[in-house]
Protein backbone atom coordinates (compact mmCIF):
# COMPACT_ATOMS: atom_id res chain seq x y z
CA MET A 1 -76.86 -10.18 -145.78
CA LYS A 2 -79.37 -8.95 -143.97
CA ARG A 3 -81.91 -9.94 -147.14
CA ILE A 4 -80.27 -13.49 -146.03
CA LEU A 5 -80.73 -13.05 -142.18
CA ALA A 6 -84.64 -11.72 -142.73
CA LEU A 7 -85.38 -14.38 -144.96
CA THR A 8 -84.06 -16.81 -142.19
CA LEU A 9 -85.77 -15.09 -139.81
CA PHE A 10 -89.11 -15.64 -141.51
CA ALA A 11 -88.57 -18.86 -142.09
CA LEU A 12 -87.97 -20.09 -138.92
CA ALA A 13 -91.00 -17.91 -137.68
CA LEU A 14 -93.17 -19.30 -140.59
CA PRO A 15 -94.71 -22.56 -138.77
CA GLY A 16 -95.68 -20.81 -135.74
CA ILE A 17 -97.42 -18.56 -138.30
CA THR A 18 -99.08 -21.43 -139.64
CA ALA A 19 -100.12 -22.95 -136.63
CA PHE A 20 -101.21 -19.61 -135.48
CA ALA A 21 -103.41 -18.89 -138.39
CA GLN A 22 -104.86 -22.56 -137.94
CA GLN A 23 -105.81 -21.60 -134.58
CA GLU A 24 -107.36 -18.35 -135.88
CA GLY A 25 -109.46 -20.17 -138.56
CA ALA A 26 -113.13 -20.52 -138.47
CA THR A 27 -115.07 -23.57 -137.78
CA PRO A 28 -117.88 -24.55 -139.58
CA THR A 29 -121.35 -25.06 -136.69
CA GLN A 30 -124.41 -26.13 -136.46
CA ALA A 31 -127.27 -25.14 -134.43
CA LEU A 32 -131.06 -26.34 -134.75
CA VAL A 33 -133.04 -23.04 -134.41
CA ALA A 34 -137.35 -23.31 -135.04
CA PHE A 35 -139.17 -20.62 -136.14
CA ASP A 36 -142.02 -19.65 -134.02
CA SER A 37 -145.29 -17.49 -136.40
CA LYS A 38 -148.37 -17.07 -136.06
CA SER A 39 -148.83 -18.03 -139.81
CA PRO A 40 -146.50 -20.36 -142.89
CA VAL A 41 -143.29 -18.74 -143.31
CA SER A 42 -140.29 -20.10 -145.41
CA PRO A 43 -137.36 -18.86 -143.74
CA THR A 44 -134.21 -18.62 -145.99
CA ALA A 45 -130.93 -17.70 -144.69
CA LYS A 46 -131.12 -13.60 -145.56
CA ASP A 47 -134.44 -13.52 -142.99
CA VAL A 48 -132.36 -14.26 -140.12
CA THR A 49 -129.76 -11.46 -138.49
CA LEU A 50 -126.75 -13.56 -136.61
CA LYS A 51 -124.93 -13.16 -133.87
CA VAL A 52 -121.84 -14.87 -132.31
CA ASP A 53 -119.90 -13.07 -128.62
CA ASN A 54 -122.37 -10.37 -129.87
CA ARG A 55 -120.83 -9.82 -133.20
CA GLN A 56 -122.45 -10.29 -136.23
CA ALA A 57 -122.00 -13.17 -138.45
CA ASN A 58 -122.36 -15.04 -141.45
CA LEU A 59 -125.38 -16.91 -141.67
CA LEU A 60 -123.58 -19.58 -143.67
CA ASN A 61 -126.36 -21.76 -144.67
CA LEU A 62 -130.58 -22.17 -143.41
CA THR A 63 -132.36 -25.39 -144.14
CA GLN A 64 -135.46 -27.25 -142.83
CA VAL A 65 -135.05 -30.25 -141.35
CA PRO A 66 -136.56 -33.32 -143.34
CA ALA A 67 -139.28 -35.84 -141.47
CA ASN A 68 -136.56 -38.61 -142.22
CA GLY A 69 -133.94 -36.43 -140.48
CA ALA A 70 -135.31 -36.32 -136.60
CA GLN A 71 -135.03 -38.20 -133.96
CA VAL A 72 -137.82 -37.25 -131.26
CA ALA A 73 -137.25 -38.37 -127.92
CA LEU A 74 -140.44 -38.88 -125.19
CA LEU A 75 -138.96 -38.74 -121.75
CA ILE A 76 -141.84 -39.05 -119.26
CA ASP A 77 -141.30 -38.70 -115.37
CA ASP A 78 -141.71 -41.96 -113.76
CA GLY A 79 -143.51 -39.81 -110.79
CA LEU A 80 -145.79 -38.54 -112.60
CA ARG A 81 -149.28 -38.62 -110.59
CA THR A 82 -150.64 -41.80 -112.35
CA SER A 83 -153.96 -39.63 -113.04
CA ILE A 84 -151.60 -39.09 -116.93
CA GLY A 85 -153.27 -42.58 -117.55
CA GLY A 86 -156.69 -40.10 -118.95
CA GLU A 87 -153.59 -38.73 -121.25
CA LEU A 88 -152.12 -41.53 -122.52
CA ASN A 89 -154.20 -42.40 -126.06
CA ASN A 90 -153.35 -38.35 -126.77
CA LEU A 91 -149.67 -39.80 -126.35
CA ARG A 92 -149.99 -42.17 -128.62
CA SER A 93 -151.75 -40.61 -131.43
CA PHE A 94 -148.90 -38.33 -131.55
CA ILE A 95 -146.58 -40.18 -131.86
CA THR A 96 -148.00 -42.13 -134.28
CA THR A 97 -148.87 -38.74 -136.35
CA LEU A 98 -145.28 -38.01 -135.94
CA PRO A 99 -144.44 -37.24 -139.83
CA GLN A 100 -143.02 -40.91 -141.46
CA GLY A 101 -139.49 -41.28 -141.00
CA THR A 102 -139.58 -39.77 -138.23
CA GLU A 103 -137.62 -41.54 -135.21
CA VAL A 104 -138.72 -41.46 -131.61
CA PHE A 105 -137.29 -43.25 -128.54
CA VAL A 106 -140.19 -43.45 -125.69
CA GLY A 107 -138.45 -43.58 -121.84
CA PHE A 108 -138.85 -42.92 -118.05
CA MET A 109 -137.43 -40.88 -115.88
CA GLN A 110 -135.98 -42.98 -112.74
CA ASN A 111 -133.80 -42.52 -110.57
CA GLY A 112 -131.15 -39.96 -112.08
CA ARG A 113 -131.21 -42.01 -115.78
CA VAL A 114 -133.61 -43.04 -118.74
CA ALA A 115 -135.03 -46.62 -118.59
CA PRO A 116 -136.13 -47.42 -122.49
CA ALA A 117 -140.14 -48.35 -122.10
CA ASN A 118 -140.71 -51.95 -122.66
CA ASN A 119 -136.96 -52.18 -122.77
CA VAL A 120 -136.42 -51.37 -126.51
CA PRO A 121 -133.61 -49.31 -126.30
CA GLY A 122 -132.81 -47.72 -129.53
CA PHE A 123 -135.10 -45.57 -131.90
CA THR A 124 -137.47 -46.97 -134.25
CA ALA A 125 -139.25 -45.38 -137.21
CA ASP A 126 -142.13 -47.39 -135.93
CA ARG A 127 -144.73 -45.30 -134.39
CA ALA A 128 -147.06 -47.84 -133.78
CA ALA A 129 -144.77 -50.12 -131.87
CA ALA A 130 -143.30 -47.13 -130.50
CA ALA A 131 -147.11 -45.94 -129.13
CA GLN A 132 -147.40 -49.22 -127.85
CA THR A 133 -144.54 -49.17 -125.50
CA LEU A 134 -145.96 -46.28 -123.23
CA ARG A 135 -147.48 -47.30 -119.83
CA LEU A 136 -148.32 -45.68 -116.66
CA PRO A 137 -145.49 -43.88 -114.77
CA MET A 138 -144.67 -45.33 -111.21
CA GLY A 139 -146.52 -42.90 -109.50
CA LEU A 140 -143.81 -42.72 -106.79
CA PRO A 141 -142.96 -39.37 -105.14
CA GLY A 142 -139.07 -38.36 -106.69
CA ALA A 143 -138.93 -41.48 -108.68
CA SER A 144 -136.58 -39.59 -111.24
CA ALA A 145 -134.45 -38.46 -108.47
CA SER A 146 -134.09 -35.18 -110.31
CA PRO A 147 -135.67 -34.85 -114.13
CA TYR A 148 -131.97 -32.88 -114.90
CA PHE A 149 -129.78 -35.81 -113.80
CA CYS A 150 -131.41 -37.48 -116.20
CA LEU A 151 -131.82 -35.27 -118.61
CA SER A 152 -127.78 -34.65 -118.32
CA ASP A 153 -127.01 -38.60 -118.58
CA PHE A 154 -129.72 -38.95 -121.71
CA VAL A 155 -127.83 -36.56 -123.90
CA LYS A 156 -124.08 -37.51 -123.17
CA ASN A 157 -125.23 -41.34 -123.80
CA TRP A 158 -127.71 -40.78 -127.06
CA PRO A 159 -129.08 -43.79 -128.01
CA SER A 160 -127.80 -45.66 -130.69
CA ASN A 161 -129.36 -44.94 -134.55
CA ALA A 162 -132.36 -46.70 -135.13
CA GLU A 163 -131.96 -49.44 -137.64
CA ASN A 164 -133.38 -48.42 -141.12
CA GLN A 165 -136.57 -50.29 -141.94
CA SER A 166 -137.71 -49.02 -145.71
CA GLY A 167 -134.14 -50.50 -146.77
CA ALA A 168 -132.36 -47.09 -148.41
CA ARG A 169 -130.18 -46.14 -145.75
CA SER A 170 -128.08 -44.08 -148.18
CA GLN A 171 -131.16 -41.93 -148.73
CA GLN A 172 -130.74 -41.20 -144.77
CA PRO A 173 -128.73 -38.58 -142.74
CA THR A 174 -126.06 -40.40 -141.28
CA HIS A 175 -126.19 -37.78 -138.40
CA LYS A 176 -130.17 -36.70 -137.20
CA ALA A 177 -131.77 -33.91 -135.70
CA ARG A 178 -131.97 -34.76 -131.89
CA ILE A 179 -134.75 -33.25 -130.19
CA VAL A 180 -135.74 -34.25 -126.71
CA LEU A 181 -139.65 -33.47 -124.67
CA MET A 182 -139.96 -34.04 -121.45
CA ILE A 183 -143.19 -34.27 -119.20
CA THR A 184 -141.98 -33.36 -116.22
CA ASN A 185 -143.04 -31.27 -112.57
CA GLY A 186 -139.48 -29.99 -113.32
CA VAL A 187 -138.32 -29.48 -109.54
CA ASP A 188 -135.55 -30.66 -108.70
CA PRO A 189 -135.16 -31.99 -105.16
CA TYR A 190 -131.63 -31.89 -105.25
CA ASN A 191 -131.50 -27.96 -104.89
CA GLY A 192 -133.00 -27.84 -101.48
CA SER A 193 -136.09 -24.93 -100.89
CA THR A 194 -138.55 -24.62 -103.97
CA SER A 195 -138.56 -21.07 -102.34
CA ILE A 196 -138.94 -18.27 -104.95
CA THR A 197 -135.36 -17.41 -103.76
CA ASN A 198 -134.25 -20.79 -104.02
CA GLN A 199 -134.33 -20.61 -108.17
CA ASP A 200 -130.28 -21.25 -109.37
CA SER A 201 -129.98 -24.67 -109.12
CA PRO A 202 -126.67 -25.81 -110.67
CA TYR A 203 -127.93 -29.45 -111.75
CA VAL A 204 -129.98 -28.12 -113.90
CA ALA A 205 -127.36 -25.15 -114.92
CA SER A 206 -125.24 -28.94 -116.15
CA ALA A 207 -128.00 -30.34 -118.06
CA ILE A 208 -128.33 -26.93 -119.88
CA THR A 209 -124.51 -27.21 -120.83
CA ASP A 210 -125.12 -30.76 -121.39
CA ALA A 211 -127.62 -29.92 -124.20
CA GLN A 212 -126.18 -27.21 -125.43
CA ARG A 213 -122.86 -28.81 -126.31
CA ALA A 214 -124.85 -31.98 -127.75
CA GLY A 215 -126.94 -29.56 -129.80
CA VAL A 216 -130.69 -31.13 -128.02
CA PRO A 217 -133.33 -28.58 -128.17
CA VAL A 218 -135.19 -29.22 -124.97
CA TYR A 219 -139.34 -28.55 -124.88
CA SER A 220 -141.39 -29.86 -122.09
CA ILE A 221 -144.86 -30.36 -120.73
CA TYR A 222 -145.56 -29.71 -116.46
CA TYR A 223 -147.29 -32.31 -115.20
CA SER A 224 -147.69 -33.23 -111.33
CA ASP A 225 -145.12 -34.88 -109.64
CA ALA A 226 -147.55 -37.78 -107.07
CA GLY A 227 -145.04 -35.81 -103.85
CA PHE A 228 -145.42 -32.26 -104.74
CA ARG A 229 -148.70 -30.12 -104.22
CA ARG A 230 -149.89 -26.90 -105.61
CA GLY A 231 -147.78 -24.23 -104.93
CA ARG A 232 -143.96 -23.29 -104.85
CA GLY A 233 -143.20 -26.95 -106.22
CA SER A 234 -145.56 -26.28 -109.24
CA PHE A 235 -143.62 -22.81 -109.55
CA SER A 236 -140.16 -23.60 -109.03
CA GLY A 237 -140.71 -26.76 -111.74
CA GLN A 238 -142.19 -24.10 -114.28
CA SER A 239 -139.71 -22.04 -113.70
CA TYR A 240 -136.97 -24.23 -114.57
CA LEU A 241 -138.24 -25.98 -117.10
CA LEU A 242 -138.48 -22.50 -118.62
CA GLN A 243 -135.35 -21.54 -118.25
CA VAL A 244 -133.68 -25.31 -120.23
CA ALA A 245 -136.10 -24.25 -123.01
CA GLN A 246 -134.72 -20.75 -123.33
CA GLU A 247 -131.42 -21.62 -122.83
CA THR A 248 -131.75 -24.77 -125.46
CA GLY A 249 -133.19 -23.53 -127.88
CA GLY A 250 -136.61 -25.20 -126.70
CA GLU A 251 -139.91 -24.20 -125.88
CA THR A 252 -142.15 -25.28 -122.27
CA TYR A 253 -145.83 -25.19 -123.32
CA TYR A 254 -147.96 -25.64 -119.90
CA GLU A 255 -148.16 -22.25 -117.17
CA GLY A 256 -150.51 -23.13 -114.37
CA THR A 257 -150.89 -24.21 -111.03
CA GLY A 258 -152.15 -27.90 -111.69
CA SER A 259 -151.98 -30.60 -114.41
CA PRO A 260 -152.90 -29.58 -117.44
CA VAL A 261 -156.63 -30.57 -118.35
CA SER A 262 -155.06 -32.12 -121.91
CA LEU A 263 -152.10 -32.76 -123.42
CA ALA A 264 -153.07 -32.23 -126.95
CA PRO A 265 -152.75 -28.82 -127.58
CA PHE A 266 -148.52 -28.93 -126.39
CA LEU A 267 -147.93 -32.26 -127.71
CA LYS A 268 -150.17 -30.71 -130.66
CA GLN A 269 -147.71 -27.31 -130.57
CA PHE A 270 -144.70 -28.78 -130.64
CA GLN A 271 -145.31 -30.94 -133.64
CA ASN A 272 -145.93 -27.60 -135.24
CA ALA A 273 -142.23 -26.85 -133.92
CA LEU A 274 -140.99 -30.13 -135.36
CA ALA A 275 -142.09 -28.93 -139.00
CA GLU A 276 -140.66 -25.11 -138.46
CA THR A 277 -137.39 -26.81 -136.97
CA TYR A 278 -133.98 -25.48 -138.89
CA VAL A 279 -130.33 -26.40 -139.08
CA ALA A 280 -128.56 -22.60 -138.78
CA THR A 281 -124.64 -23.52 -140.63
CA PHE A 282 -122.23 -20.77 -139.29
CA PRO A 283 -118.18 -19.87 -138.37
CA VAL A 284 -116.91 -19.64 -135.30
CA ASP A 285 -113.96 -19.39 -133.33
CA GLY A 286 -112.36 -22.94 -133.29
CA ASN A 287 -110.66 -22.14 -129.53
CA LYS A 288 -113.42 -21.61 -127.66
CA LYS A 289 -115.02 -23.82 -125.97
CA MET A 290 -118.72 -22.77 -126.09
CA VAL A 291 -119.36 -19.53 -127.99
CA SER A 292 -123.13 -17.38 -127.51
CA LEU A 293 -126.44 -16.87 -129.96
CA LYS A 294 -128.50 -14.65 -131.26
CA LEU A 295 -130.54 -15.04 -133.78
CA SER A 296 -132.97 -12.55 -134.93
CA THR A 297 -135.90 -12.13 -138.06
CA LYS A 298 -136.96 -9.03 -139.30
CA LEU A 299 -140.23 -11.59 -140.30
CA PRO A 300 -144.13 -10.16 -138.97
CA LYS A 301 -144.61 -11.90 -136.27
CA THR A 302 -142.32 -14.27 -135.99
CA LYS A 303 -139.49 -15.10 -133.43
CA ILE A 304 -136.36 -17.58 -133.69
CA ASN A 305 -135.75 -20.27 -130.66
CA ALA A 306 -132.45 -20.52 -130.63
CA PRO A 307 -129.76 -22.37 -128.21
CA SER A 308 -127.55 -19.31 -126.22
CA GLU A 309 -124.54 -21.38 -126.26
CA VAL A 310 -123.11 -23.89 -129.11
CA ARG A 311 -120.08 -25.55 -129.35
CA PRO A 312 -117.97 -24.70 -131.86
CA GLY A 313 -117.98 -27.66 -134.44
CA THR A 314 -121.13 -28.96 -133.50
CA VAL A 315 -123.02 -30.96 -136.06
CA VAL A 316 -126.63 -31.63 -135.76
CA LEU A 317 -127.57 -32.77 -139.01
CA GLN A 318 -125.41 -34.41 -141.98
């Protein structure tokens, strides 16, 4: 009798046990990570130590992003000083020399959103055509409203994939690695003063979270806005850009009190980072909204840029 009762109780509890096991099950998750090394490296999963929520975790796979598996969004602040016109040729050269197969989007940050250049709404693998869409920014102080409003809106409403012009659609990844490069002064005018004691913007924090949830690393190059001079504005903007880069797995390339003399060396650094970007795949607790992430390596003179948090189940390349 006791045995029958025990079996009955076990049967009644089984659905709950199964549901609990499913909830506790690990969810495969991906993140884009970039290897910053003084010399060429070919890292493998065994070269990387991974911690999820400060606990050692298994790195299931590490795969380099192929050229035809990347989408690069070049977002230009429409409030930049028009002196950036002297950099248009460098920007065009940058676009046309991206690896063949890479899809590119050129947009201008204005009024809290990103407007496609010349109304070309999606990504394209035609780099020459994309380069021709570049224009001078409007040069109106604060034209973007806030670059972080624009960034949030863009990553949450990522433009559709470009149509494959080569016809070999079956060879294209169905979900491509998404990467943003912003050119902006980085100032958040909606956070009030640019004082060094006021560098905790909720709008910057929201943009970081939105980029993390979308699996998008954000890179940036500082350039002066028409409405700000050197000083606290420069400090504040660069401080925010650094924060966004570090939290999303990107980089910010310029530190100074004025606009860079040339964008060319920073655009080259971005291209190098793009070439060293990998997809890391690992299991996480699927019950959580976000988990913290930390990657390190013992490869000589090498560091890993990775997002500080990821959403369970994120797919960045498929």
